[in-house]
């Protein structure tokens, strides 16, 4: 597949699950492994992907991710993104705050035969926790 096709697949997998979780069945390979330092274990397969998205959708009913920029080389796509939502449900043991949250992240996706097989993500988990008031913000 071309770099442009791989970028489109990576973009869809980042943006669409927030309104259509079934896209994971189309785009996530059974061999899928996702590495994210904010998670205790890697995510595995389409169900692991869907469980993770569902956890965040429960905490942010209006959650969305917007891809801001992408670079692709071969089968790898780097996507810089912004996640936004209103914290109106429990998330990671944090009761709903009603606060608007915006975080930045970067995901590198490995695409094979039109499906994502592996991802490496880093995002501003600490910033999210600070915005929710669960962790003190740094002194000014």
N, C-alpha and C. Protein backbone atom coordinates (compact mmCIF):
# COMPACT_ATOMS: atom_id res chain seq x y z
N UNK A 1 0.85 -1.18 0.00
CA UNK A 1 0.00 0.00 0.00
C UNK A 1 0.89 1.24 0.00
N UNK A 2 0.36 2.32 -0.52
CA UNK A 2 1.12 3.56 -0.58
C UNK A 2 1.15 4.24 0.78
N UNK A 3 2.08 5.18 0.92
CA UNK A 3 2.17 5.95 2.17
C UNK A 3 0.87 6.72 2.39
N UNK A 4 0.25 7.24 1.33
CA UNK A 4 -1.00 7.99 1.46
C UNK A 4 -2.12 7.08 1.96
N UNK A 5 -2.19 5.85 1.44
CA UNK A 5 -3.21 4.91 1.89
C UNK A 5 -2.99 4.54 3.36
N UNK A 6 -1.73 4.33 3.73
CA UNK A 6 -1.43 4.01 5.13
C UNK A 6 -1.79 5.17 6.06
N UNK A 7 -1.53 6.40 5.61
CA UNK A 7 -1.90 7.57 6.42
C UNK A 7 -3.42 7.64 6.61
N UNK A 8 -4.17 7.33 5.57
CA UNK A 8 -5.63 7.37 5.67
C UNK A 8 -6.13 6.32 6.66
N UNK A 9 -5.52 5.14 6.66
CA UNK A 9 -5.92 4.07 7.60
C UNK A 9 -5.61 4.50 9.03
N UNK A 10 -4.40 5.02 9.25
CA UNK A 10 -4.01 5.46 10.60
C UNK A 10 -4.93 6.58 11.08
N UNK A 11 -5.26 7.52 10.20
CA UNK A 11 -6.16 8.64 10.56
C UNK A 11 -7.53 8.10 10.95
N UNK A 12 -8.07 7.20 10.14
CA UNK A 12 -9.39 6.65 10.45
C UNK A 12 -9.40 5.96 11.80
N UNK A 13 -8.33 5.19 12.10
CA UNK A 13 -8.30 4.45 13.35
C UNK A 13 -8.16 5.39 14.56
N UNK A 14 -7.58 6.54 14.36
CA UNK A 14 -7.49 7.51 15.46
C UNK A 14 -8.78 8.32 15.62
N UNK A 15 -9.41 8.71 14.52
CA UNK A 15 -10.53 9.63 14.59
C UNK A 15 -11.91 8.96 14.67
N UNK A 16 -12.13 7.88 13.95
CA UNK A 16 -13.48 7.33 13.82
C UNK A 16 -14.02 6.55 15.02
N UNK A 17 -13.19 5.86 15.81
CA UNK A 17 -13.77 5.03 16.88
C UNK A 17 -14.58 5.81 17.91
N UNK A 18 -14.42 7.11 17.98
CA UNK A 18 -15.12 7.91 18.97
C UNK A 18 -16.59 8.06 18.62
N UNK A 19 -16.94 7.80 17.35
CA UNK A 19 -18.35 7.82 16.94
C UNK A 19 -18.78 6.49 16.33
N UNK A 20 -17.81 5.64 15.96
CA UNK A 20 -18.12 4.35 15.33
C UNK A 20 -17.07 3.33 15.74
N UNK A 21 -17.32 2.66 16.83
CA UNK A 21 -16.34 1.70 17.37
C UNK A 21 -16.14 0.50 16.44
N UNK A 22 -17.11 0.22 15.59
CA UNK A 22 -17.01 -0.93 14.68
C UNK A 22 -15.86 -0.77 13.67
N UNK A 23 -15.35 0.45 13.50
CA UNK A 23 -14.23 0.65 12.58
C UNK A 23 -13.02 -0.20 13.02
N UNK A 24 -12.94 -0.52 14.30
CA UNK A 24 -11.83 -1.35 14.80
C UNK A 24 -11.86 -2.73 14.16
N UNK A 25 -13.05 -3.29 13.93
CA UNK A 25 -13.15 -4.61 13.31
C UNK A 25 -12.62 -4.59 11.88
N UNK A 26 -12.72 -3.44 11.23
CA UNK A 26 -12.24 -3.29 9.86
C UNK A 26 -10.74 -3.03 9.80
N UNK A 27 -10.22 -2.24 10.73
CA UNK A 27 -8.85 -1.72 10.60
C UNK A 27 -7.82 -2.30 11.57
N UNK A 28 -8.25 -2.99 12.63
CA UNK A 28 -7.31 -3.53 13.61
C UNK A 28 -7.10 -5.01 13.34
N UNK A 29 -5.85 -5.38 13.11
CA UNK A 29 -5.49 -6.76 12.84
C UNK A 29 -5.61 -7.61 14.11
N UNK A 30 -5.85 -8.89 13.93
CA UNK A 30 -5.92 -9.80 15.08
C UNK A 30 -4.60 -9.86 15.84
N UNK A 31 -3.48 -9.58 15.16
CA UNK A 31 -2.15 -9.59 15.79
C UNK A 31 -1.81 -8.26 16.45
N UNK A 32 -2.74 -7.32 16.44
CA UNK A 32 -2.52 -5.96 16.93
C UNK A 32 -1.97 -5.94 18.35
N UNK A 33 -0.93 -5.11 18.54
CA UNK A 33 -0.38 -4.83 19.87
C UNK A 33 -0.18 -3.31 19.94
N UNK A 34 -0.69 -2.70 21.01
CA UNK A 34 -0.54 -1.26 21.20
C UNK A 34 0.25 -1.00 22.48
N UNK A 35 1.28 -0.21 22.34
CA UNK A 35 2.16 0.15 23.46
C UNK A 35 1.84 1.59 23.88
N UNK A 36 1.50 1.78 25.14
CA UNK A 36 1.16 3.09 25.67
C UNK A 36 1.64 3.11 27.12
N UNK A 37 2.58 3.98 27.47
CA UNK A 37 3.12 3.97 28.83
C UNK A 37 2.09 4.30 29.90
N UNK A 38 0.92 4.81 29.51
CA UNK A 38 -0.12 5.10 30.51
C UNK A 38 -0.92 3.86 30.88
N UNK A 39 -0.70 2.75 30.17
CA UNK A 39 -1.43 1.51 30.42
C UNK A 39 -0.51 0.48 31.07
N UNK A 40 -1.05 -0.33 31.98
CA UNK A 40 -0.20 -1.31 32.66
C UNK A 40 0.29 -2.44 31.73
N UNK A 41 -0.47 -2.75 30.70
CA UNK A 41 -0.12 -3.82 29.76
C UNK A 41 -0.44 -3.35 28.35
N UNK A 42 0.25 -3.89 27.34
CA UNK A 42 -0.11 -3.55 25.96
C UNK A 42 -1.54 -4.00 25.65
N UNK A 43 -2.17 -3.26 24.75
CA UNK A 43 -3.49 -3.67 24.25
C UNK A 43 -3.26 -4.73 23.18
N UNK A 44 -4.18 -5.70 23.09
CA UNK A 44 -4.02 -6.77 22.13
C UNK A 44 -5.32 -7.00 21.36
N UNK A 45 -5.19 -7.06 20.04
CA UNK A 45 -6.29 -7.39 19.16
C UNK A 45 -7.37 -6.33 19.09
N UNK A 46 -8.35 -6.54 18.21
CA UNK A 46 -9.45 -5.58 18.07
C UNK A 46 -10.21 -5.35 19.37
N UNK A 47 -10.41 -6.40 20.17
CA UNK A 47 -11.17 -6.24 21.41
C UNK A 47 -10.40 -5.40 22.42
N UNK A 48 -9.10 -5.58 22.53
CA UNK A 48 -8.30 -4.74 23.41
C UNK A 48 -8.38 -3.28 23.01
N UNK A 49 -8.33 -3.03 21.70
CA UNK A 49 -8.47 -1.67 21.19
C UNK A 49 -9.83 -1.10 21.58
N UNK A 50 -10.90 -1.87 21.33
CA UNK A 50 -12.26 -1.40 21.61
C UNK A 50 -12.47 -1.18 23.11
N UNK A 51 -11.92 -2.04 23.95
CA UNK A 51 -12.06 -1.87 25.40
C UNK A 51 -11.43 -0.56 25.86
N UNK A 52 -10.28 -0.22 25.30
CA UNK A 52 -9.58 1.01 25.68
C UNK A 52 -10.38 2.24 25.25
N UNK A 53 -10.84 2.24 24.02
CA UNK A 53 -11.64 3.37 23.54
C UNK A 53 -12.92 3.48 24.37
N UNK A 54 -13.56 2.36 24.66
CA UNK A 54 -14.80 2.37 25.45
C UNK A 54 -14.59 2.96 26.83
N UNK A 55 -13.43 2.69 27.45
CA UNK A 55 -13.14 3.26 28.76
C UNK A 55 -13.12 4.79 28.67
N UNK A 56 -12.47 5.33 27.65
CA UNK A 56 -12.41 6.78 27.51
C UNK A 56 -13.75 7.37 27.08
N UNK A 57 -14.51 6.66 26.26
CA UNK A 57 -15.84 7.13 25.87
C UNK A 57 -16.77 7.18 27.08
N UNK A 58 -16.59 6.27 28.04
CA UNK A 58 -17.40 6.30 29.26
C UNK A 58 -17.08 7.53 30.11
N UNK A 59 -15.83 7.97 30.07
CA UNK A 59 -15.41 9.15 30.84
C UNK A 59 -15.67 10.46 30.12
N UNK A 60 -15.68 10.41 28.80
CA UNK A 60 -15.87 11.60 27.97
C UNK A 60 -16.88 11.24 26.88
N UNK A 61 -18.15 11.50 27.12
CA UNK A 61 -19.18 11.08 26.15
C UNK A 61 -19.04 11.78 24.81
N UNK A 62 -18.40 12.95 24.80
CA UNK A 62 -18.20 13.69 23.55
C UNK A 62 -16.74 13.61 23.08
N UNK A 63 -16.02 12.59 23.51
CA UNK A 63 -14.60 12.44 23.17
C UNK A 63 -14.39 12.46 21.66
N UNK A 64 -13.29 13.08 21.27
CA UNK A 64 -12.89 13.05 19.88
C UNK A 64 -11.39 13.22 19.78
N UNK A 65 -10.83 12.64 18.76
CA UNK A 65 -9.43 12.85 18.44
C UNK A 65 -9.38 13.45 17.04
N UNK A 66 -8.56 14.46 16.89
CA UNK A 66 -8.34 15.10 15.60
C UNK A 66 -6.86 14.94 15.25
N UNK A 67 -6.59 14.39 14.08
CA UNK A 67 -5.21 14.27 13.62
C UNK A 67 -4.78 15.64 13.11
N UNK A 68 -3.67 16.14 13.66
CA UNK A 68 -3.16 17.46 13.31
C UNK A 68 -2.10 17.41 12.22
N UNK A 69 -1.37 16.30 12.17
CA UNK A 69 -0.26 16.20 11.21
C UNK A 69 0.13 14.74 11.08
N UNK A 70 0.62 14.35 9.91
CA UNK A 70 1.08 12.98 9.70
C UNK A 70 2.30 12.97 8.79
N UNK A 71 3.16 11.99 9.07
CA UNK A 71 4.32 11.70 8.24
C UNK A 71 4.35 10.19 8.05
N UNK A 72 4.58 9.74 6.82
CA UNK A 72 4.62 8.31 6.57
C UNK A 72 5.88 7.95 5.79
N UNK A 73 6.40 6.80 6.15
CA UNK A 73 7.52 6.21 5.41
C UNK A 73 7.30 4.72 5.40
N UNK A 74 7.17 4.17 4.22
CA UNK A 74 6.90 2.74 4.13
C UNK A 74 5.60 2.40 4.82
N UNK A 75 5.66 1.39 5.69
CA UNK A 75 4.46 0.91 6.38
C UNK A 75 4.21 1.62 7.70
N UNK A 76 5.06 2.58 8.07
CA UNK A 76 4.89 3.29 9.35
C UNK A 76 4.35 4.69 9.12
N UNK A 77 3.41 5.06 9.99
CA UNK A 77 2.78 6.38 9.94
C UNK A 77 2.90 7.01 11.31
N UNK A 78 3.44 8.21 11.36
CA UNK A 78 3.48 8.99 12.60
C UNK A 78 2.36 10.02 12.54
N UNK A 79 1.49 10.00 13.54
CA UNK A 79 0.35 10.93 13.59
C UNK A 79 0.43 11.74 14.87
N UNK A 80 0.45 13.07 14.70
CA UNK A 80 0.35 13.99 15.84
C UNK A 80 -1.11 14.37 15.95
N UNK A 81 -1.67 14.22 17.17
CA UNK A 81 -3.10 14.41 17.33
C UNK A 81 -3.44 15.19 18.59
N UNK A 82 -4.70 15.65 18.64
CA UNK A 82 -5.24 16.31 19.82
C UNK A 82 -6.53 15.59 20.21
N UNK A 83 -6.63 15.23 21.49
CA UNK A 83 -7.84 14.62 22.02
C UNK A 83 -8.58 15.63 22.87
N UNK A 84 -9.91 15.66 22.71
CA UNK A 84 -10.74 16.62 23.46
C UNK A 84 -11.99 15.92 23.99
N UNK A 85 -12.51 16.45 25.08
CA UNK A 85 -13.77 15.93 25.58
C UNK A 85 -14.16 16.59 26.88
N UNK A 86 -15.41 16.37 27.27
CA UNK A 86 -15.95 16.84 28.53
C UNK A 86 -16.00 15.67 29.49
N UNK A 87 -15.37 15.82 30.63
CA UNK A 87 -15.28 14.72 31.60
C UNK A 87 -16.62 14.62 32.34
N UNK A 88 -17.53 13.81 31.77
CA UNK A 88 -18.88 13.69 32.32
C UNK A 88 -19.20 12.27 32.79
N UNK A 89 -18.18 11.43 32.90
CA UNK A 89 -18.35 10.07 33.41
C UNK A 89 -17.10 9.66 34.17
N UNK A 90 -17.20 8.58 34.93
CA UNK A 90 -16.04 8.13 35.70
C UNK A 90 -14.94 7.66 34.75
N UNK A 91 -13.70 8.00 35.08
CA UNK A 91 -12.54 7.59 34.29
C UNK A 91 -11.38 7.32 35.24
N UNK A 92 -10.87 6.11 35.20
CA UNK A 92 -9.71 5.74 36.01
C UNK A 92 -9.96 6.04 37.49
N UNK A 93 -11.19 5.84 37.94
CA UNK A 93 -11.53 6.08 39.33
C UNK A 93 -11.79 7.54 39.67
N UNK A 94 -11.76 8.42 38.68
CA UNK A 94 -12.00 9.85 38.90
C UNK A 94 -13.46 10.15 38.58
N UNK A 95 -14.18 10.65 39.59
CA UNK A 95 -15.59 11.00 39.41
C UNK A 95 -15.72 12.12 38.38
N UNK A 96 -16.84 12.20 37.67
CA UNK A 96 -17.04 13.25 36.67
C UNK A 96 -16.82 14.64 37.24
N UNK A 97 -16.11 15.48 36.50
CA UNK A 97 -15.83 16.85 36.94
C UNK A 97 -16.57 17.89 36.09
N UNK A 98 -17.03 17.49 34.91
CA UNK A 98 -17.65 18.43 33.99
C UNK A 98 -16.65 19.32 33.27
N UNK A 99 -15.36 19.08 33.50
CA UNK A 99 -14.33 19.93 32.90
C UNK A 99 -14.04 19.53 31.45
N UNK A 100 -13.74 20.56 30.65
CA UNK A 100 -13.28 20.34 29.28
C UNK A 100 -11.79 20.01 29.33
N UNK A 101 -11.38 19.01 28.59
CA UNK A 101 -9.99 18.56 28.58
C UNK A 101 -9.49 18.54 27.14
N UNK A 102 -8.24 18.94 26.96
CA UNK A 102 -7.57 18.81 25.66
C UNK A 102 -6.16 18.32 25.92
N UNK A 103 -5.76 17.28 25.21
CA UNK A 103 -4.42 16.72 25.36
C UNK A 103 -3.81 16.47 23.98
N UNK A 104 -2.49 16.53 23.94
CA UNK A 104 -1.75 16.25 22.72
C UNK A 104 -1.17 14.84 22.78
N UNK A 105 -1.01 14.22 21.63
CA UNK A 105 -0.43 12.89 21.59
C UNK A 105 0.25 12.61 20.26
N UNK A 106 1.02 11.54 20.26
CA UNK A 106 1.72 11.09 19.06
C UNK A 106 1.59 9.58 18.99
N UNK A 107 1.14 9.06 17.85
CA UNK A 107 1.02 7.63 17.64
C UNK A 107 1.77 7.24 16.38
N UNK A 108 2.58 6.21 16.49
CA UNK A 108 3.24 5.61 15.33
C UNK A 108 2.52 4.29 15.06
N UNK A 109 1.98 4.16 13.85
CA UNK A 109 1.20 2.99 13.47
C UNK A 109 1.95 2.19 12.41
N UNK A 110 1.97 0.88 12.59
CA UNK A 110 2.53 -0.04 11.60
C UNK A 110 1.35 -0.65 10.84
N UNK A 111 1.28 -0.41 9.54
CA UNK A 111 0.16 -0.87 8.72
C UNK A 111 0.63 -1.97 7.79
N UNK A 112 -0.12 -3.07 7.78
CA UNK A 112 0.17 -4.18 6.87
C UNK A 112 -1.12 -4.63 6.23
N UNK A 113 -1.14 -4.69 4.92
CA UNK A 113 -2.31 -5.17 4.17
C UNK A 113 -3.61 -4.48 4.57
N UNK A 114 -3.53 -3.16 4.78
CA UNK A 114 -4.72 -2.39 5.06
C UNK A 114 -5.21 -2.43 6.50
N UNK A 115 -4.42 -3.03 7.39
CA UNK A 115 -4.82 -3.12 8.81
C UNK A 115 -3.63 -2.72 9.69
N UNK A 116 -3.95 -2.15 10.83
CA UNK A 116 -2.91 -1.75 11.78
C UNK A 116 -2.54 -2.97 12.63
N UNK A 117 -1.23 -3.28 12.66
CA UNK A 117 -0.77 -4.45 13.42
C UNK A 117 -0.06 -4.08 14.71
N UNK A 118 0.47 -2.85 14.77
CA UNK A 118 1.16 -2.44 16.00
C UNK A 118 1.16 -0.92 16.07
N UNK A 119 1.07 -0.41 17.31
CA UNK A 119 1.13 1.04 17.53
C UNK A 119 1.93 1.36 18.78
N UNK A 120 2.56 2.53 18.74
CA UNK A 120 3.29 3.07 19.87
C UNK A 120 2.74 4.47 20.09
N UNK A 121 2.18 4.72 21.28
CA UNK A 121 1.54 6.00 21.55
C UNK A 121 2.13 6.63 22.80
N UNK A 122 2.34 7.92 22.73
CA UNK A 122 2.67 8.75 23.89
C UNK A 122 1.72 9.93 23.86
N UNK A 123 1.10 10.20 25.00
CA UNK A 123 0.20 11.35 25.07
C UNK A 123 0.31 11.98 26.45
N UNK A 124 -0.22 13.18 26.58
CA UNK A 124 -0.06 13.98 27.79
C UNK A 124 -1.02 13.52 28.89
N UNK A 125 -0.76 12.33 29.42
CA UNK A 125 -1.59 11.77 30.49
C UNK A 125 -1.55 12.67 31.73
N UNK A 126 -0.37 13.14 32.09
CA UNK A 126 -0.24 14.01 33.26
C UNK A 126 -1.05 15.29 33.06
N UNK A 127 -0.99 15.86 31.87
CA UNK A 127 -1.77 17.07 31.58
C UNK A 127 -3.26 16.83 31.74
N UNK A 128 -3.73 15.66 31.30
CA UNK A 128 -5.16 15.34 31.47
C UNK A 128 -5.50 15.29 32.95
N UNK A 129 -4.68 14.60 33.74
CA UNK A 129 -4.94 14.48 35.17
C UNK A 129 -4.90 15.85 35.86
N UNK A 130 -4.00 16.72 35.41
CA UNK A 130 -3.94 18.08 35.98
C UNK A 130 -5.19 18.88 35.61
N UNK A 131 -5.64 18.76 34.36
CA UNK A 131 -6.83 19.47 33.92
C UNK A 131 -8.08 19.01 34.69
N UNK A 132 -8.09 17.73 35.09
CA UNK A 132 -9.22 17.21 35.86
C UNK A 132 -9.11 17.53 37.34
N UNK A 133 -7.95 18.04 37.77
CA UNK A 133 -7.76 18.36 39.18
C UNK A 133 -7.36 17.15 40.01
N UNK A 134 -7.04 16.04 39.35
CA UNK A 134 -6.64 14.82 40.07
C UNK A 134 -5.18 14.87 40.50
N UNK A 135 -4.40 15.72 39.85
CA UNK A 135 -2.97 15.92 40.15
C UNK A 135 -2.75 17.43 40.16
N UNK A 136 -2.02 17.94 41.14
CA UNK A 136 -1.79 19.39 41.16
C UNK A 136 -1.02 19.86 39.93
N UNK A 137 -1.39 21.02 39.45
CA UNK A 137 -0.66 21.65 38.34
C UNK A 137 0.67 22.17 38.86
N UNK A 138 1.66 22.29 38.01
CA UNK A 138 2.95 22.80 38.48
C UNK A 138 2.83 24.25 38.99
N UNK A 139 3.68 24.59 39.94
CA UNK A 139 3.68 25.95 40.49
C UNK A 139 4.07 26.93 39.39
N UNK A 140 3.43 28.08 39.45
CA UNK A 140 3.70 29.13 38.44
C UNK A 140 4.80 30.05 38.90
